Amino acid sequence: VVTFGRGKGGKFLTALDVSQMPDWIPGRTTALDMVSEMPPTLLFNIGNREGLTDTDVNGESYEGLGETWSLPVVRNVAGTTNPDQWVMFVGGGYGCEAAGTNEGQYLYVLKMEDGSVYRRFQVPDDPAASIDYNGLVATPTVYNPHELMPTDDTDYAVRAYVGDLQGKIHKLDCSQPDPASWTFTNGVGNEFYDVGFDQPITAPVALFRDNMDVYVFAGTGGDARAHSTFKFIALLDENNATVGQLVWTYDLPPGDRVNAAPAVGGETAFFASTIETLDLQRCASQFNSTLFALGVTTGVGTFDLDTQATGENESTDLGVGKVTGLFYRDEHLYVSRSGGLQAEGRTLILGERDNDMDLNDGDGTPPGTVQILVRGFRMSPF
């Protein structure tokens, strides 16, 4: 199943069944040949049309959907009617900011059969926030404790974490088979953790499992309407607590913002910050990014990230470009950057030649550089 929203294009979510698509056979000239032979099947297309009250097959309203910037996450949960219930977790996105509306302020859990509302949970506005209309733009991060232990014959998501535009991190406990028994930490003074009213969170959080405990990592600053010294924080969800414990916090350089999800590898939390500057010659914005690597439990550098500079460096300058994604696997860190003025979009593969993930090979060139094409990428409309 392929699921997607619209971003700034609208308040809609779509799911396509692509399971019957033919296999790729050498000799086909384009991917369109495959589509013409066996097109995808539309599972559902649901949304929140202007001036109408759109509802699901059970009469549940979709009025809380805003512009669907939050990427859908498909997982299965333990159900009652269907013991293996597949659902979509997705945030409401950016609302219209009209007085009296609640667009964008819901975490939705939709059934994958038809897009009907399995559960939805609202986050309220914080009157003290510098962004005066809340929304769940970030992609939810779903936790399945059984992924590393398939022999226990259980494979269900039990929690989801998501940050909002007013600096709060919320947690959904979806471990019970009856969705009516699910609990959601929301509300001013009742959230999983409050980073600060001027600390917007638009990127997914990252998780690190330590036995039965879970560390949660989040960066702030993803909405340009907020102005502050933004942060990267580590929280501890000890024994499935309702309130997260702050383990450490890192203040970003002035003007830097976190727009992409962090990645955890080994016992290191990797995250990137981006600062926007004005290119006076072209009268256009330019982005420069920095990569950080800190211990998951300590918040201090775990190794020298840039051996070309003097001293121990927990960060390194990535140069021109906005970091759009971090991914860690098999002791390699993949760092994707968008293109821009005098910069090509590309992905850096770090750790391919040096165990300490030195960004340079001694001649100033990044190791394992792969060129990719990025067009028109935007993290948010602001």
Protein backbone atom coordinates (compact mmCIF):
# COMPACT_ATOMS: atom_id res chain seq x y z
CA VAL A 1 0.00 0.00 0.00
CA VAL A 2 1.24 3.48 -0.92
CA THR A 3 -0.10 6.33 1.21
CA PHE A 4 0.39 10.07 0.73
CA GLY A 5 -1.01 13.49 1.58
CA ARG A 6 -0.99 16.78 -0.31
CA GLY A 7 1.24 19.17 1.62
CA LYS A 8 0.22 22.68 0.68
CA GLY A 9 -1.97 21.19 -2.06
CA GLY A 10 -4.90 20.32 0.18
CA LYS A 11 -6.45 18.56 3.15
CA PHE A 12 -6.59 15.04 1.75
CA LEU A 13 -5.06 11.59 2.27
CA THR A 14 -4.92 8.79 -0.30
CA ALA A 15 -4.07 5.08 -0.14
CA LEU A 16 -3.30 2.95 -3.21
CA ASP A 17 -3.08 -0.84 -3.33
CA VAL A 18 -0.04 -1.67 -5.49
CA SER A 19 0.20 -5.35 -4.55
CA GLN A 20 -1.03 -6.50 -7.98
CA MET A 21 1.43 -4.39 -9.95
CA PRO A 22 3.53 -6.56 -12.30
CA ASP A 23 7.17 -7.27 -11.57
CA TRP A 24 9.75 -5.20 -13.36
CA ILE A 25 10.97 -6.99 -16.46
CA PRO A 26 14.08 -5.81 -18.35
CA GLY A 27 13.05 -4.31 -21.64
CA ARG A 28 10.22 -2.14 -20.43
CA THR A 29 11.03 1.35 -21.51
CA THR A 30 9.30 3.24 -18.72
CA ALA A 31 7.53 2.63 -15.45
CA LEU A 32 4.33 3.77 -17.17
CA ASP A 33 4.34 0.50 -19.09
CA MET A 34 3.78 -1.31 -15.80
CA VAL A 35 0.99 1.05 -14.76
CA SER A 36 -0.86 0.56 -18.03
CA GLU A 37 -0.75 -3.24 -17.64
CA MET A 38 -2.10 -3.32 -14.07
CA PRO A 39 -2.87 0.08 -12.54
CA PRO A 40 -2.96 0.57 -8.76
CA THR A 41 -6.29 0.12 -6.97
CA LEU A 42 -7.68 3.04 -5.00
CA LEU A 43 -8.30 1.96 -1.41
CA PHE A 44 -9.57 5.33 -0.25
CA ASN A 45 -9.31 9.05 -0.78
CA ILE A 46 -10.53 11.02 2.23
CA GLY A 47 -10.30 14.67 3.14
CA ASN A 48 -11.73 17.89 4.48
CA ARG A 49 -13.31 19.91 1.67
CA GLU A 50 -13.98 23.60 2.14
CA GLY A 51 -17.53 24.40 3.15
CA LEU A 52 -18.56 20.74 3.58
CA THR A 53 -18.68 18.37 6.52
CA ASP A 54 -16.91 15.30 5.20
CA THR A 55 -17.42 12.11 7.19
CA ASP A 56 -16.23 8.52 7.04
CA VAL A 57 -18.41 5.44 6.48
CA ASN A 58 -19.43 5.54 10.15
CA GLY A 59 -20.29 9.23 10.21
CA GLU A 60 -17.06 10.33 11.95
CA SER A 61 -15.95 13.79 10.82
CA TYR A 62 -12.72 14.65 8.99
CA GLU A 63 -13.08 18.34 9.88
CA GLY A 64 -9.83 18.25 11.89
CA LEU A 65 -7.66 17.61 8.82
CA GLY A 66 -5.53 20.54 7.74
CA GLU A 67 -2.94 20.70 4.97
CA THR A 68 -1.49 17.20 5.16
CA TRP A 69 2.23 17.86 5.67
CA SER A 70 2.56 15.04 8.20
CA LEU A 71 3.63 11.87 6.36
CA PRO A 72 1.40 8.83 6.98
CA VAL A 73 2.95 5.94 8.93
CA VAL A 74 1.33 2.52 8.38
CA ARG A 75 1.62 -0.05 11.17
CA ASN A 76 -0.47 -2.85 12.65
CA VAL A 77 -1.97 -2.78 16.15
CA ALA A 78 -3.64 -5.41 18.30
CA GLY A 79 -7.38 -5.14 17.65
CA THR A 80 -10.58 -6.70 18.92
CA THR A 81 -12.73 -7.34 15.84
CA ASN A 82 -9.61 -7.76 13.73
CA PRO A 83 -6.72 -9.08 15.90
CA ASP A 84 -4.20 -7.80 13.36
CA GLN A 85 -5.56 -4.34 12.55
CA TRP A 86 -3.55 -2.25 10.07
CA VAL A 87 -3.83 1.51 10.59
CA MET A 88 -2.36 4.79 9.41
CA PHE A 89 -0.93 7.23 11.98
CA VAL A 90 -0.87 10.81 10.67
CA GLY A 91 -0.90 14.33 12.08
CA GLY A 92 -3.53 16.87 11.08
CA GLY A 93 -0.97 19.21 9.50
CA TYR A 94 -1.29 22.98 9.14
CA GLY A 95 -4.73 24.42 9.91
CA CYS A 96 -6.43 27.33 8.20
CA GLU A 97 -6.01 29.50 11.31
CA ALA A 98 -9.62 30.62 11.13
CA ALA A 99 -11.16 31.51 14.48
CA GLY A 100 -13.11 28.70 16.10
CA THR A 101 -11.73 25.89 13.93
CA ASN A 102 -9.65 22.90 15.01
CA GLU A 103 -7.95 22.04 11.72
CA GLY A 104 -4.53 20.46 12.06
CA GLN A 105 -4.89 19.83 15.79
CA TYR A 106 -5.60 16.08 15.66
CA LEU A 107 -3.50 12.95 15.64
CA TYR A 108 -5.46 10.60 13.38
CA VAL A 109 -5.42 6.80 13.41
CA LEU A 110 -7.24 5.58 10.28
CA LYS A 111 -8.19 2.04 9.30
CA MET A 112 -6.35 0.93 6.19
CA GLU A 113 -9.36 -0.92 4.77
CA ASP A 114 -11.39 2.20 4.06
CA GLY A 115 -9.78 5.24 5.70
CA SER A 116 -12.36 5.38 8.47
CA VAL A 117 -11.41 6.94 11.79
CA TYR A 118 -10.17 4.30 14.24
CA ARG A 119 -9.35 6.98 16.83
CA ARG A 120 -8.40 10.65 16.79
CA PHE A 121 -6.89 12.78 19.53
CA GLN A 122 -6.81 16.56 19.76
CA VAL A 123 -4.05 18.85 21.02
CA PRO A 124 -5.21 22.28 22.23
CA ASP A 125 -3.72 25.72 21.74
CA ASP A 126 -1.31 27.15 24.28
CA PRO A 127 -2.26 30.83 24.70
CA ALA A 128 1.36 31.67 25.62
CA ALA A 129 2.81 30.29 22.36
CA SER A 130 4.41 32.60 19.82
CA ILE A 131 2.70 30.57 17.06
CA ASP A 132 -0.91 31.25 17.94
CA TYR A 133 -2.52 28.31 16.14
CA ASN A 134 -1.37 24.80 16.97
CA GLY A 135 -1.00 21.90 14.56
CA LEU A 136 0.59 18.46 14.16
CA VAL A 137 2.83 18.93 11.13
CA ALA A 138 5.45 16.38 12.20
CA THR A 139 5.30 12.77 11.11
CA PRO A 140 4.42 10.47 14.05
CA THR A 141 7.13 8.08 15.23
CA VAL A 142 5.64 4.67 16.02
CA TYR A 143 7.24 2.27 18.50
CA ASN A 144 7.09 -1.51 18.20
CA PRO A 145 9.07 -3.23 21.00
CA HIS A 146 8.86 -6.61 19.29
CA GLU A 147 10.73 -5.77 16.09
CA LEU A 148 13.99 -7.12 17.52
CA MET A 149 12.33 -10.19 19.06
CA PRO A 150 10.18 -11.87 16.39
CA THR A 151 10.21 -15.18 18.29
CA ASP A 152 7.70 -13.91 20.85
CA ASP A 153 4.95 -14.27 18.21
CA THR A 154 3.89 -10.65 18.70
CA ASP A 155 4.34 -7.82 16.26
CA TYR A 156 2.21 -4.82 17.16
CA ALA A 157 2.83 -1.10 17.54
CA VAL A 158 2.21 -0.04 21.13
CA ARG A 159 3.11 3.68 21.21
CA ALA A 160 3.38 6.73 18.98
CA TYR A 161 5.17 10.02 19.66
CA VAL A 162 4.61 13.33 17.86
CA GLY A 163 5.61 16.96 18.42
CA ASP A 164 3.46 20.02 17.70
CA LEU A 165 3.96 23.61 16.52
CA GLN A 166 3.88 24.96 20.07
CA GLY A 167 6.82 22.95 21.37
CA LYS A 168 5.06 20.05 23.04
CA ILE A 169 5.71 16.34 22.57
CA HIS A 170 2.70 14.03 22.84
CA LYS A 171 2.53 10.30 23.37
CA LEU A 172 -0.17 7.82 22.39
CA ASP A 173 -0.38 4.49 24.22
CA CYS A 174 -2.07 2.19 21.71
CA SER A 175 -1.12 -1.11 23.35
CA GLN A 176 -4.66 -2.16 24.31
CA PRO A 177 -6.74 -4.19 21.78
CA ASP A 178 -9.77 -1.97 22.41
CA PRO A 179 -9.00 1.46 20.89
CA ALA A 180 -11.42 3.05 23.35
CA SER A 181 -8.85 2.22 26.05
CA TRP A 182 -5.99 4.05 24.31
CA THR A 183 -4.55 7.01 26.22
CA PHE A 184 -3.07 10.22 24.83
CA THR A 185 -1.00 12.76 26.78
CA ASN A 186 -2.22 16.12 25.57
CA GLY A 187 -3.26 19.52 26.79
CA VAL A 188 -1.40 22.37 28.48
CA GLY A 189 0.18 20.86 31.57
CA ASN A 190 -0.78 17.33 30.52
CA GLU A 191 1.66 16.69 27.68
CA PHE A 192 4.42 14.08 27.59
CA TYR A 193 6.97 16.91 27.57
CA ASP A 194 6.93 20.68 26.99
CA VAL A 195 10.12 21.93 25.31
CA GLY A 196 8.88 25.55 25.33
CA PHE A 197 6.09 27.58 23.75
CA ASP A 198 8.47 29.10 21.15
CA GLN A 199 10.09 25.77 20.16
CA PRO A 200 8.06 24.46 17.17
CA ILE A 201 8.58 20.80 16.27
CA THR A 202 7.97 19.90 12.62
CA ALA A 203 10.34 16.92 12.23
CA PRO A 204 9.71 13.39 13.54
CA VAL A 205 11.36 12.39 16.81
CA ALA A 206 13.85 9.51 16.94
CA LEU A 207 13.79 6.61 19.42
CA PHE A 208 16.45 4.52 21.15
CA ARG A 209 15.50 1.41 23.09
CA ASP A 210 17.35 0.54 26.31
CA ASN A 211 15.82 -2.68 27.66
CA MET A 212 12.27 -1.69 28.65
CA ASP A 213 12.96 2.05 28.54
CA VAL A 214 12.84 4.30 25.46
CA TYR A 215 14.86 7.45 24.81
CA VAL A 216 13.11 10.11 22.70
CA PHE A 217 15.11 12.68 20.70
CA ALA A 218 13.61 15.86 19.25
CA GLY A 219 14.83 19.05 17.59
CA THR A 220 12.98 22.36 17.37
CA GLY A 221 12.76 25.45 15.17
CA GLY A 222 11.07 23.99 12.08
CA ASP A 223 8.59 26.86 11.65
CA ALA A 224 10.04 30.25 10.65
CA ARG A 225 7.33 32.19 12.52
CA ALA A 226 9.06 31.38 15.83
CA HIS A 227 12.27 33.14 16.84
CA SER A 228 14.37 31.79 19.70
CA THR A 229 17.47 29.83 20.56
CA PHE A 230 16.31 26.44 19.41
CA LYS A 231 17.15 23.14 21.05
CA PHE A 232 17.81 19.47 20.63
CA ILE A 233 16.69 17.38 23.60
CA ALA A 234 16.83 13.81 24.87
CA LEU A 235 13.96 12.43 26.96
CA LEU A 236 13.57 9.18 28.85
CA ASP A 237 10.29 7.28 28.70
CA GLU A 238 10.93 5.06 31.70
CA ASN A 239 8.67 2.03 32.01
CA ASN A 240 6.03 3.54 29.70
CA ALA A 241 5.56 6.68 31.80
CA THR A 242 2.95 9.36 31.15
CA VAL A 243 5.58 12.12 31.54
CA GLY A 244 9.00 12.15 29.89
CA GLN A 245 12.15 12.85 31.90
CA LEU A 246 14.63 15.34 30.46
CA VAL A 247 18.03 13.63 30.16
CA TRP A 248 19.95 16.41 28.43
CA THR A 249 19.44 19.45 26.23
CA TYR A 250 21.67 21.06 23.62
CA ASP A 251 21.25 24.72 22.60
CA LEU A 252 21.76 25.17 18.87
CA PRO A 253 23.89 28.02 17.48
CA PRO A 254 21.90 31.25 17.08
CA GLY A 255 19.65 31.10 14.02
CA ASP A 256 20.00 27.33 13.52
CA ARG A 257 16.87 25.20 13.20
CA VAL A 258 16.17 21.45 13.06
CA ASN A 259 14.09 20.59 9.97
CA ALA A 260 14.88 16.88 9.55
CA ALA A 261 14.40 13.86 11.79
CA PRO A 262 17.43 12.77 13.85
CA ALA A 263 18.94 9.30 13.52
CA VAL A 264 20.30 6.99 16.23
CA GLY A 265 23.17 4.64 15.54
CA GLY A 266 24.85 2.53 18.20
CA GLU A 267 24.72 4.79 21.24
CA THR A 268 25.00 8.05 19.28
CA ALA A 269 22.28 10.52 18.38
CA PHE A 270 22.93 12.25 15.04
CA PHE A 271 21.08 15.42 14.14
CA ALA A 272 21.52 18.31 11.75
CA SER A 273 20.69 21.99 12.00
CA THR A 274 20.24 24.50 9.19
CA ILE A 275 20.56 28.27 9.12
CA GLU A 276 19.09 30.50 6.43
CA THR A 277 21.12 33.45 5.16
CA LEU A 278 20.55 36.00 2.41
CA ASP A 279 22.69 35.91 -0.72
CA LEU A 280 22.85 39.63 -1.45
CA GLN A 281 24.19 39.17 -4.98
CA ARG A 282 21.22 37.00 -6.00
CA CYS A 283 18.73 38.46 -3.51
CA ALA A 284 17.75 34.93 -2.50
CA SER A 285 17.96 32.67 0.52
CA GLN A 286 20.83 30.25 1.02
CA PHE A 287 21.01 27.45 3.57
CA ASN A 288 24.04 26.12 5.45
CA SER A 289 23.92 22.96 7.59
CA THR A 290 25.82 21.49 10.53
CA LEU A 291 25.97 17.84 11.59
CA PHE A 292 26.10 16.87 15.29
CA ALA A 293 26.87 13.57 17.02
CA LEU A 294 26.16 13.22 20.77
CA GLY A 295 25.91 10.28 23.16
CA VAL A 296 22.33 9.13 23.67
CA THR A 297 22.56 9.15 27.47
CA THR A 298 25.26 11.78 28.01
CA GLY A 299 24.70 14.52 25.44
CA VAL A 300 28.45 14.84 24.85
CA GLY A 301 30.51 13.99 21.80
CA THR A 302 31.18 10.29 21.35
CA PHE A 303 34.03 10.75 18.87
CA ASP A 304 35.82 13.44 16.89
CA LEU A 305 33.42 14.17 14.05
CA ASP A 306 35.91 16.28 12.11
CA THR A 307 39.55 15.29 12.56
CA GLN A 308 40.66 18.03 10.16
CA ALA A 309 39.85 20.62 12.82
CA THR A 310 41.74 21.01 16.08
CA GLY A 311 40.46 19.48 19.31
CA GLU A 312 37.54 17.11 19.83
CA ASN A 313 34.64 18.17 17.62
CA GLU A 314 31.08 17.00 18.30
CA SER A 315 29.89 18.79 15.14
CA THR A 316 31.09 19.54 11.63
CA ASP A 317 30.12 22.04 8.94
CA LEU A 318 28.31 20.43 6.00
CA GLY A 319 28.46 23.57 3.88
CA VAL A 320 25.77 24.91 1.57
CA GLY A 321 22.46 23.02 1.43
CA LYS A 322 19.57 22.08 3.70
CA VAL A 323 19.73 18.65 5.34
CA THR A 324 16.53 16.84 4.37
CA GLY A 325 17.18 13.40 5.83
CA LEU A 326 19.43 11.32 8.10
CA PHE A 327 19.55 7.53 8.03
CA TYR A 328 21.81 5.14 9.96
CA ARG A 329 22.41 1.51 9.07
CA ASP A 330 25.30 -0.95 9.36
CA GLU A 331 27.63 1.63 10.94
CA HIS A 332 27.05 4.09 8.10
CA LEU A 333 25.32 7.45 8.34
CA TYR A 334 23.55 8.73 5.22
CA VAL A 335 23.08 12.51 5.08
CA SER A 336 20.85 13.88 2.30
CA ARG A 337 20.96 17.55 1.38
CA SER A 338 18.80 19.56 -0.98
CA GLY A 339 20.38 21.61 -3.73
CA GLY A 340 20.33 25.36 -3.98
CA LEU A 341 22.42 28.32 -5.03
CA GLN A 342 25.88 27.04 -6.00
CA ALA A 343 25.07 23.65 -4.41
CA GLU A 344 24.05 20.29 -5.82
CA GLY A 345 21.60 17.99 -4.09
CA ARG A 346 23.44 14.91 -2.86
CA THR A 347 23.73 12.24 -0.18
CA LEU A 348 26.89 11.83 1.90
CA ILE A 349 27.74 8.34 3.16
CA LEU A 350 29.82 8.76 6.32
CA GLY A 351 31.76 6.00 8.02
CA GLU A 352 32.50 4.12 4.82
CA ARG A 353 36.26 4.48 5.18
CA ASP A 354 36.86 5.78 8.67
CA ASN A 355 35.56 4.16 11.86
CA ASP A 356 35.34 7.57 13.50
CA MET A 357 33.08 8.88 10.70
CA ASP A 358 35.54 11.59 9.78
CA LEU A 359 33.82 13.73 7.17
CA ASN A 360 37.03 14.21 5.19
CA ASP A 361 39.56 11.78 3.76
CA GLY A 362 42.47 14.15 4.22
CA ASP A 363 42.13 15.87 0.85
CA GLY A 364 39.01 17.80 1.80
CA THR A 365 36.59 15.62 -0.20
CA PRO A 366 33.67 13.89 1.51
CA PRO A 367 33.89 10.08 1.48
CA GLY A 368 31.30 8.09 -0.44
CA THR A 369 29.56 11.00 -2.14
CA VAL A 370 26.52 10.05 -4.20
CA GLN A 371 24.83 12.62 -6.43
CA ILE A 372 21.03 12.71 -6.26
CA LEU A 373 18.42 14.93 -7.84
CA VAL A 374 16.22 17.05 -5.60
CA ARG A 375 13.66 19.46 -7.04
CA GLY A 376 11.37 21.86 -5.23
CA PHE A 377 11.84 20.41 -1.74
CA ARG A 378 10.14 22.29 1.10
CA MET A 379 9.83 21.30 4.75
CA SER A 380 6.92 23.66 5.43
CA PRO A 381 5.14 26.58 3.73
CA PHE A 382 6.71 29.09 6.13
